[in-house]
Amino acid sequence: MSRAEEANIEAADWLIARAEGPLSAEDQIRFDAWLASSDGNKAAFWRLEYGWETADRVASLGLPPIDCTPEPKRAVPARWWVPCAMAASIAMAFLLHTLAAPRAGPPPRARAPEIASQAYATPVGGRRLVGLADGSRIQLNTQSRLHTEISTARREVWLDQGEAFFEVAHRDDQPFIVHAGDRQIVVLGTKFSVRRDGDKVVVAVIEGRVRVDELRGNVPARSSVITGGDIALAAEGATLVTARSQDKVEDLLAWREGMLSFDEEPLRSIATEFNRYNDRKVVIDGQDVGAIRITGTFPVAKPDAFTRLLRDAFGLEISETASEIRVSRRSPASDPSGRAAHTAS
């Protein structure tokens, strides 16, 4: 049996169920999902429903049954076959329904599409690439958690913690929605990242276009549209968009290659980033040391190599234990020249 024939049988089932009385709330959800899952389903149902309504109108006029055989000696109207074809179409649909296995209520195949629900997480320093049922891909960064619900009728992801990069497969009229705290990011198909630190959400777009909604009671209150090269920073009921920042976007996404990239970032912020990826933490002693500005690209898993560069470039004191790497200003006693090392800032 072809898919079109199956659609006709299913359409007849639903038409009969609706004719017998209002659908239950559960069956209405299943019916709506069945319609939404295929253009062929819509066409089969609407075609059959139109034929049904036409037959009802003809019957309401009190007209005798239509004789589809033209009299041999009379001129045949050019469109004599239209009502006959309509009646035949309805009869064929009900014949298919009758031949199908007997069942009570709408067919099992017409139930709402099954939703593929999955949860994913990464440990400290971990990264993970996952493929979704719709063809989209998600790359999770360190210490991240999210869960997904994907079906033919909906595509939604909840980012509970951390950061993820999305490559969304395009589907006309079916958005891909990422929930992150009181923000939701809505796209049809594009490449972008979302990072969530508590109530703070950062969205960076590589290509395409996304909409960032601020939710109030699960209803969008305000929206910002950003495109490739834009970054949106959302927190405390406000959203800041920095446009045409392609280099900055690439820096933010360097983690996908196992790197961290910075452009004039203060050392205290850089230490925080390294600590997201490593159990052995970088500790900064002194406000003046934390204010040192750094530009460069460094491996995320090698904080010790990074701090050695700090020692060589800025004359800082580095002390290490099994659990931390402490960075401080070098004391005069540790300076071979007997003078305090100059710290650039």
Protein backbone atom coordinates (compact mmCIF):
# COMPACT_ATOMS: atom_id res chain seq x y z
CA MET A 1 0.00 0.00 0.00
CA SER A 2 1.36 3.41 -0.98
CA ARG A 3 1.73 6.29 1.48
CA ALA A 4 -1.06 8.15 -0.38
CA GLU A 5 -3.42 5.22 0.15
CA GLU A 6 -2.48 5.07 3.82
CA ALA A 7 -3.19 8.79 4.11
CA ASN A 8 -6.64 8.29 2.55
CA ILE A 9 -7.47 5.52 5.05
CA GLU A 10 -6.29 7.63 7.97
CA ALA A 11 -8.23 10.65 6.67
CA ALA A 12 -11.40 8.54 6.47
CA ASP A 13 -10.86 7.34 10.04
CA TRP A 14 -10.52 10.86 11.33
CA LEU A 15 -13.51 12.09 9.30
CA ILE A 16 -15.70 9.35 10.75
CA ALA A 17 -14.45 10.03 14.28
CA ARG A 18 -15.24 13.74 13.92
CA ALA A 19 -18.66 13.02 12.43
CA GLU A 20 -19.61 10.86 15.43
CA GLY A 21 -19.18 13.77 17.81
CA PRO A 22 -16.56 16.20 19.18
CA LEU A 23 -13.11 14.70 19.62
CA SER A 24 -11.73 14.30 23.10
CA ALA A 25 -8.91 16.65 24.09
CA GLU A 26 -6.40 13.82 23.65
CA ASP A 27 -7.75 12.83 20.23
CA GLN A 28 -7.81 16.48 19.14
CA ILE A 29 -4.09 16.73 19.96
CA ARG A 30 -3.44 13.53 18.00
CA PHE A 31 -5.49 14.79 15.06
CA ASP A 32 -3.70 18.16 14.97
CA ALA A 33 -0.32 16.39 15.13
CA TRP A 34 -1.33 14.02 12.33
CA LEU A 35 -2.32 16.95 10.10
CA ALA A 36 0.91 18.83 10.90
CA SER A 37 3.16 15.85 10.23
CA SER A 38 2.60 15.71 6.45
CA ASP A 39 1.30 17.83 3.58
CA GLY A 40 -0.06 14.59 2.13
CA ASN A 41 -2.16 14.06 5.27
CA LYS A 42 -3.59 17.57 4.98
CA ALA A 43 -4.43 17.09 1.29
CA ALA A 44 -6.10 13.71 1.88
CA PHE A 45 -8.24 14.99 4.74
CA TRP A 46 -9.24 18.26 3.13
CA ARG A 47 -10.11 16.51 -0.14
CA LEU A 48 -12.26 13.95 1.63
CA GLU A 49 -13.86 16.53 3.91
CA TYR A 50 -14.78 18.66 0.89
CA GLY A 51 -16.35 15.65 -0.81
CA TRP A 52 -18.29 14.81 2.37
CA GLU A 53 -19.63 18.36 2.71
CA THR A 54 -20.56 18.44 -0.97
CA ALA A 55 -22.49 15.18 -0.62
CA ASP A 56 -24.31 16.62 2.41
CA ARG A 57 -25.32 19.70 0.45
CA VAL A 58 -26.63 17.60 -2.44
CA ALA A 59 -28.65 15.43 -0.03
CA SER A 60 -30.08 18.49 1.71
CA LEU A 61 -31.62 19.63 -1.57
CA GLY A 62 -33.78 16.48 -1.71
CA LEU A 63 -32.41 15.53 -5.09
CA PRO A 64 -32.67 11.95 -6.30
CA PRO A 65 -29.49 9.85 -6.47
CA ILE A 66 -27.29 10.76 -9.38
CA ASP A 67 -27.36 8.39 -12.30
CA CYS A 68 -23.82 8.33 -13.59
CA THR A 69 -24.72 6.55 -16.82
CA PRO A 70 -25.72 9.00 -19.56
CA GLU A 71 -28.76 8.04 -21.64
CA PRO A 72 -27.56 6.71 -24.98
CA LYS A 73 -29.62 9.03 -27.16
CA ARG A 74 -29.17 12.26 -25.22
CA ALA A 75 -26.38 14.75 -25.47
CA VAL A 76 -24.00 14.27 -22.57
CA PRO A 77 -23.15 17.49 -20.66
CA ALA A 78 -19.44 18.19 -20.77
CA ARG A 79 -19.14 17.97 -16.97
CA TRP A 80 -21.66 15.20 -16.20
CA TRP A 81 -18.92 13.21 -14.53
CA VAL A 82 -18.06 15.73 -11.77
CA PRO A 83 -20.63 14.67 -9.14
CA CYS A 84 -20.06 11.04 -10.05
CA ALA A 85 -16.33 11.35 -9.51
CA MET A 86 -17.02 13.04 -6.19
CA ALA A 87 -19.29 10.22 -5.10
CA ALA A 88 -16.77 7.63 -6.33
CA SER A 89 -13.99 9.35 -4.40
CA ILE A 90 -15.97 9.20 -1.16
CA ALA A 91 -17.01 5.62 -1.81
CA MET A 92 -13.40 4.60 -2.48
CA ALA A 93 -12.22 6.18 0.78
CA PHE A 94 -14.85 4.31 2.75
CA LEU A 95 -14.06 1.10 0.90
CA LEU A 96 -10.44 1.47 1.92
CA HIS A 97 -11.56 2.12 5.47
CA THR A 98 -13.77 -0.99 5.46
CA LEU A 99 -11.01 -3.20 4.08
CA ALA A 100 -8.61 -2.00 6.76
CA ALA A 101 -8.35 -4.04 9.99
CA PRO A 102 -11.36 -3.27 12.26
CA ARG A 103 -10.51 -0.98 15.09
CA ALA A 104 -12.27 1.30 17.54
CA GLY A 105 -11.61 5.00 17.25
CA PRO A 106 -8.87 6.71 15.19
CA PRO A 107 -6.05 4.49 13.86
CA PRO A 108 -2.89 3.91 15.92
CA ARG A 109 -0.80 5.31 13.07
CA ALA A 110 -2.62 8.62 13.46
CA ARG A 111 -1.40 9.17 17.01
CA ALA A 112 0.76 12.17 17.77
CA PRO A 113 4.34 11.77 16.50
CA GLU A 114 6.60 10.22 19.10
CA ILE A 115 8.87 12.76 20.71
CA ALA A 116 12.53 11.84 20.99
CA SER A 117 13.47 13.10 24.46
CA GLN A 118 17.15 12.97 25.34
CA ALA A 119 19.43 14.43 28.00
CA TYR A 120 23.14 15.15 27.57
CA ALA A 121 25.91 16.35 29.90
CA THR A 122 29.65 16.89 29.95
CA PRO A 123 32.11 16.84 32.88
CA VAL A 124 34.74 19.46 33.68
CA GLY A 125 36.96 19.77 30.62
CA GLY A 126 34.68 17.56 28.52
CA ARG A 127 33.20 18.21 25.10
CA ARG A 128 30.55 16.18 23.32
CA LEU A 129 29.03 16.18 19.83
CA VAL A 130 25.49 14.82 19.48
CA GLY A 131 23.21 14.41 16.46
CA LEU A 132 19.47 15.01 16.66
CA ALA A 133 16.64 13.21 14.87
CA ASP A 134 15.93 16.24 12.65
CA GLY A 135 19.50 16.32 11.29
CA SER A 136 20.71 19.12 13.56
CA ARG A 137 23.91 18.81 15.61
CA ILE A 138 24.87 20.11 19.04
CA GLN A 139 28.40 20.39 20.43
CA LEU A 140 28.45 20.70 24.22
CA ASN A 141 31.23 22.55 26.00
CA THR A 142 32.66 21.85 29.47
CA GLN A 143 30.30 21.37 32.47
CA SER A 144 27.16 21.62 30.35
CA ARG A 145 23.72 20.04 30.66
CA LEU A 146 20.81 20.13 28.27
CA HIS A 147 17.81 18.08 27.24
CA THR A 148 15.95 17.92 23.95
CA GLU A 149 12.48 17.11 22.61
CA ILE A 150 12.51 16.46 18.87
CA SER A 151 9.63 15.23 16.69
CA THR A 152 8.10 15.96 13.30
CA ALA A 153 5.95 18.60 14.98
CA ARG A 154 8.38 20.36 17.36
CA ARG A 155 12.09 20.99 17.94
CA GLU A 156 13.03 22.29 21.39
CA VAL A 157 16.16 22.27 23.56
CA TRP A 158 16.57 23.33 27.19
CA LEU A 159 20.08 24.49 28.15
CA ASP A 160 20.16 23.96 31.89
CA GLN A 161 23.83 24.87 32.38
CA GLY A 162 26.96 25.66 30.42
CA GLU A 163 27.45 26.23 26.73
CA ALA A 164 26.54 24.59 23.44
CA PHE A 165 27.08 25.23 19.75
CA PHE A 166 24.15 24.49 17.43
CA GLU A 167 24.10 23.62 13.74
CA VAL A 168 20.39 23.63 12.99
CA ALA A 169 18.95 21.76 10.01
CA HIS A 170 16.56 24.05 8.13
CA ARG A 171 12.86 23.23 8.14
CA ASP A 172 10.35 25.60 6.58
CA ASP A 173 7.81 26.89 9.09
CA GLN A 174 9.17 24.72 11.91
CA PRO A 175 11.39 26.72 14.25
CA PHE A 176 14.16 25.31 16.42
CA ILE A 177 13.85 26.75 19.93
CA VAL A 178 16.53 26.87 22.63
CA HIS A 179 15.38 27.70 26.16
CA ALA A 180 17.98 29.26 28.48
CA GLY A 181 16.59 30.64 31.71
CA ASP A 182 14.15 33.45 30.96
CA ARG A 183 15.37 33.68 27.37
CA GLN A 184 14.44 31.63 24.34
CA ILE A 185 16.34 31.61 21.07
CA VAL A 186 14.25 30.93 17.96
CA VAL A 187 15.71 29.95 14.58
CA LEU A 188 14.75 28.09 11.41
CA GLY A 189 18.24 27.01 10.41
CA THR A 190 21.63 28.51 11.26
CA LYS A 191 24.84 28.15 13.30
CA PHE A 192 25.11 29.78 16.70
CA SER A 193 26.18 29.23 20.30
CA VAL A 194 24.40 29.77 23.60
CA ARG A 195 26.16 30.10 26.95
CA ARG A 196 24.29 30.20 30.22
CA ASP A 197 25.84 31.21 33.54
CA GLY A 198 22.92 31.39 35.94
CA ASP A 199 20.68 34.22 34.72
CA LYS A 200 23.28 35.51 32.27
CA VAL A 201 22.90 34.30 28.67
CA VAL A 202 25.29 34.97 25.77
CA VAL A 203 24.26 34.18 22.18
CA ALA A 204 26.86 34.34 19.38
CA VAL A 205 25.86 33.82 15.74
CA ILE A 206 28.24 32.53 13.06
CA GLU A 207 25.77 32.59 10.18
CA GLY A 208 22.06 33.02 9.62
CA ARG A 209 19.63 34.85 11.82
CA VAL A 210 18.20 34.18 15.29
CA ARG A 211 15.64 35.85 17.51
CA VAL A 212 16.32 36.24 21.23
CA ASP A 213 13.11 36.58 23.26
CA GLU A 214 12.83 37.75 26.84
CA LEU A 215 10.06 35.71 28.44
CA ARG A 216 7.57 36.85 31.03
CA GLY A 217 5.26 34.09 32.14
CA ASN A 218 6.44 31.98 29.19
CA VAL A 219 5.27 34.71 26.80
CA PRO A 220 7.79 36.78 24.76
CA ALA A 221 7.83 40.32 26.13
CA ARG A 222 10.70 41.79 24.11
CA SER A 223 12.75 40.40 21.23
CA SER A 224 16.10 41.14 19.60
CA VAL A 225 17.08 39.82 16.17
CA ILE A 226 20.77 39.14 15.59
CA THR A 227 22.62 37.89 12.51
CA GLY A 228 26.02 36.43 11.62
CA GLY A 229 28.82 38.20 13.48
CA ASP A 230 26.51 39.52 16.22
CA ILE A 231 26.62 38.76 19.94
CA ALA A 232 23.71 39.22 22.35
CA LEU A 233 24.35 39.48 26.10
CA ALA A 234 21.20 39.13 28.18
CA ALA A 235 20.87 39.56 31.94
CA GLU A 236 18.55 41.16 34.50
CA GLY A 237 15.83 42.05 32.02
CA ALA A 238 18.16 43.73 29.52
CA THR A 239 19.71 42.59 26.24
CA LEU A 240 22.83 44.17 24.74
CA VAL A 241 23.68 43.43 21.09
CA THR A 242 27.17 43.99 19.70
CA ALA A 243 27.00 43.98 15.90
CA ARG A 244 29.65 43.12 13.31
CA SER A 245 31.92 41.36 15.81
CA GLN A 246 32.97 38.37 13.70
CA ASP A 247 36.43 38.20 15.27
CA LYS A 248 34.90 38.28 18.73
CA VAL A 249 32.47 35.50 17.77
CA GLU A 250 35.39 33.36 16.59
CA ASP A 251 37.19 34.01 19.88
CA LEU A 252 34.14 32.91 21.84
CA LEU A 253 33.93 29.68 19.84
CA ALA A 254 37.63 28.75 19.98
CA TRP A 255 36.71 26.13 22.62
CA ARG A 256 35.38 23.90 19.83
CA GLU A 257 39.02 23.39 18.81
CA GLY A 258 40.23 22.97 22.39
CA MET A 259 41.53 26.52 22.63
CA LEU A 260 40.79 29.74 24.49
CA SER A 261 41.25 33.01 22.61
CA PHE A 262 41.44 36.46 24.22
CA ASP A 263 41.76 40.02 23.01
CA GLU A 264 42.88 42.44 25.72
CA GLU A 265 41.03 40.50 28.42
CA PRO A 266 41.92 41.08 32.09
CA LEU A 267 43.85 38.23 33.70
CA ARG A 268 41.17 37.65 36.36
CA SER A 269 38.61 36.90 33.61
CA ILE A 270 41.05 34.62 31.80
CA ALA A 271 41.68 32.67 35.02
CA THR A 272 37.92 32.20 35.38
CA GLU A 273 37.75 30.77 31.86
CA PHE A 274 40.60 28.33 32.45
CA ASN A 275 38.92 27.21 35.66
CA ARG A 276 35.80 26.18 33.75
CA TYR A 277 37.84 23.49 31.98
CA ASN A 278 40.21 22.27 34.67
CA ASP A 279 40.04 20.79 38.17
CA ARG A 280 43.37 22.42 38.97
CA LYS A 281 42.42 26.07 39.42
CA VAL A 282 44.30 29.25 38.56
CA VAL A 283 44.23 31.65 41.52
CA ILE A 284 45.11 35.33 41.04
CA ASP A 285 46.58 37.23 44.02
CA GLY A 286 46.21 41.01 43.95
CA GLN A 287 43.93 43.38 42.06
CA ASP A 288 46.82 44.83 40.09
CA VAL A 289 47.81 41.35 38.87
CA GLY A 290 44.20 40.54 37.93
CA ALA A 291 43.98 43.75 35.89
CA ILE A 292 46.81 42.77 33.52
CA ARG A 293 45.46 42.65 29.96
CA ILE A 294 46.23 39.59 27.85
CA THR A 295 45.91 38.87 24.12
CA GLY A 296 46.54 35.41 22.72
CA THR A 297 45.26 31.88 22.11
CA PHE A 298 46.01 29.08 24.56
CA PRO A 299 45.15 25.35 25.00
CA VAL A 300 42.28 24.97 27.45
CA ALA A 301 43.81 21.92 29.14
CA LYS A 302 47.20 23.51 29.91
CA PRO A 303 46.82 26.22 32.54
CA ASP A 304 50.33 25.46 33.77
CA ALA A 305 51.80 26.33 30.35
CA PHE A 306 49.78 29.54 30.31
CA THR A 307 50.98 30.62 33.74
CA ARG A 308 54.61 29.93 32.80
CA LEU A 309 54.14 32.38 29.93
CA LEU A 310 52.87 34.92 32.45
CA ARG A 311 56.01 34.41 34.53
CA ASP A 312 58.28 34.91 31.53
CA ALA A 313 56.38 37.84 30.00
CA PHE A 314 55.44 39.80 33.12
CA GLY A 315 57.86 38.61 35.79
CA LEU A 316 55.06 37.20 37.95
CA GLU A 317 55.48 34.69 40.76
CA ILE A 318 53.99 31.24 40.04
CA SER A 319 53.51 28.72 42.84
CA GLU A 320 51.91 25.33 42.20
CA THR A 321 50.21 22.64 44.27
CA ALA A 322 48.20 19.60 43.26
CA SER A 323 44.96 21.60 43.35
CA GLU A 324 45.93 25.12 42.24
CA ILE A 325 48.34 27.38 40.41
CA ARG A 326 48.75 30.68 42.20
CA VAL A 327 49.82 33.82 40.32
CA SER A 328 51.11 36.83 42.25
CA ARG A 329 53.49 39.73 42.05
CA ARG A 330 57.10 38.62 42.54
CA SER A 331 58.52 39.69 45.85
CA PRO A 332 61.81 41.67 45.94
CA ALA A 333 63.56 38.77 47.65
CA SER A 334 62.78 36.47 44.73
CA ASP A 335 64.04 38.95 42.13
CA PRO A 336 67.66 38.10 41.26
CA SER A 337 68.44 41.78 40.86
CA GLY A 338 67.07 42.52 44.34
CA ARG A 339 64.40 44.82 42.90
CA ALA A 340 60.69 44.24 42.52
CA ALA A 341 59.80 43.16 39.03
CA HIS A 342 57.85 45.69 36.96
CA THR A 343 54.35 44.52 36.07
CA ALA A 344 52.91 45.70 32.77
CA SER A 345 49.25 46.59 32.77
